[in-house]
């Protein structure tokens, strides 16, 4: 299992949570390392371009560089309430990347809103977090461009912790064995 983020601080928090739960069979990997591993394993087009430097270009959260994908890819990817904090073009690159690193027969669940009515603020001057939406058609196209099959779209996922009007979907994907 791999845990991926673009921010070293969030990845370190994930590692702390996993350790506290007694989970040890995972790698904590910064996004640039996953991109490099995908490009090395599957060719440059698989990484779908640069999505940033991960807050300083470090390797995985323990400081190592050169993380490699498991042989054949990963069997499962899961993203909940993460993609929405990236601009749509970046979110679509991340979706393609997550689908590209799936092993044949692997599957995933990807959550992203298709409607965000406003940016969330504590006050008129303070932005709490960036929230972005991506159309269902654009997400479906990114999934299919990556050699995955869109198994289901679960519309109406109830993940709106900021209150009011976000419309979400969970996308169930599978990389078919015959691709």
Foldseek 3Di string as FASTA:
>chain_A
DEAEDLALVVLVVVVVVCVVVVHDPYFAWYLVQLLVQLCVVPNNVQLVDDLDCSHPVATGSVRDHNDHADVQAAQEEEDDPHLQQDEPVSSLSVLSNNLLRHGAFHKYKYKAFQDDPDFFAPDPPGGPGHGHHDHPVSSCVSNVVSQKHFPDKAWAPPDDPRDDDTTMIITMIHRHNVD
